[in-house]
Protein backbone atom coordinates (compact mmCIF):
# COMPACT_ATOMS: atom_id res chain seq x y z
CA MET A 1 248.23 -105.16 38.47
CA LEU A 2 245.60 -103.46 36.31
CA ARG A 3 245.35 -106.55 34.09
CA PHE A 4 244.84 -108.71 37.16
CA LEU A 5 242.06 -106.48 38.48
CA LEU A 6 240.42 -106.30 35.06
CA GLY A 7 240.62 -110.10 34.79
CA MET A 8 239.06 -110.45 38.22
CA ALA A 9 236.23 -108.10 37.24
CA ILE A 10 235.59 -109.94 33.98
CA GLY A 11 235.68 -113.29 35.75
CA TYR A 12 233.23 -112.07 38.33
CA VAL A 13 230.89 -110.67 35.69
CA LEU A 14 230.96 -113.90 33.70
CA GLY A 15 230.64 -116.15 36.74
CA ALA A 16 228.39 -114.14 39.02
CA LYS A 17 224.80 -114.96 39.62
CA ALA A 18 224.08 -111.43 40.82
CA GLY A 19 222.27 -110.61 37.61
CA THR A 20 222.03 -107.65 35.30
CA GLU A 21 222.09 -105.01 38.02
CA ARG A 22 225.54 -106.04 39.27
CA TYR A 23 226.81 -106.39 35.70
CA GLU A 24 225.66 -102.86 34.87
CA GLN A 25 227.26 -101.52 38.05
CA LEU A 26 230.61 -103.13 37.13
CA ARG A 27 230.33 -101.95 33.53
CA ARG A 28 229.71 -98.35 34.63
CA SER A 29 232.68 -98.53 37.03
CA TYR A 30 234.94 -99.88 34.30
CA GLN A 31 233.77 -97.20 31.87
CA ARG A 32 234.44 -94.46 34.44
CA VAL A 33 237.97 -95.74 34.97
CA ALA A 34 238.62 -96.26 31.25
CA ASP A 35 237.43 -92.73 30.46
CA HIS A 36 239.53 -91.08 33.18
CA PRO A 37 242.08 -88.64 31.66
CA ALA A 38 245.01 -90.22 33.56
CA VAL A 39 244.13 -93.68 32.21
CA GLN A 40 243.72 -92.28 28.70
CA GLY A 41 247.12 -90.57 28.97
CA ALA A 42 248.80 -93.75 30.17
CA ALA A 43 247.17 -95.74 27.37
CA GLY A 44 248.46 -93.20 24.84
CA VAL A 45 252.00 -93.51 26.19
CA VAL A 46 251.84 -97.31 26.08
CA ARG A 47 250.39 -97.24 22.56
CA ALA A 48 253.17 -94.90 21.38
CA ARG A 49 255.87 -97.08 22.91
CA VAL A 50 254.45 -100.22 21.34
CA GLU A 51 254.26 -98.54 17.93
CA GLU A 52 257.81 -97.25 18.38
CA ALA A 53 259.05 -100.73 19.29
CA VAL A 54 257.24 -102.32 16.35
CA ASN A 55 258.37 -99.69 13.87
CA GLY A 56 261.87 -99.68 15.34
CA GLY A 57 262.08 -103.43 14.93
CA ARG A 58 261.07 -103.19 11.28
CA HIS A 59 263.55 -100.41 10.70
CA THR A 60 266.38 -102.49 12.19
CA ALA A 61 265.39 -105.52 10.11
CA ASP A 62 265.17 -103.39 6.96
CA ALA A 63 268.58 -101.81 7.65
CA GLY A 64 270.11 -105.27 7.92
CA SER A 65 268.65 -106.35 4.61
CA ASN A 66 270.05 -103.45 2.58
CA GLY A 67 273.67 -104.54 2.89
CA HIS A 68 274.85 -102.02 5.48
CA ALA A 69 277.16 -103.38 8.14
CA ARG A 70 276.08 -102.99 11.74
């Protein structure tokens, strides 16, 4: 849902003819949301899970290449 809303905002900014004032208003709104502690916390959780999945996938692939049976 957040991606959709962000995409809508970006599309509006790129396609709007409202000018710099509207662009700045949207940019400030986005920055306020992006800097919110709850959003930062959620981003940290997502980042950690992605890193865990990536590192976990490498670990599993490495374990399979060292001759150990699964």
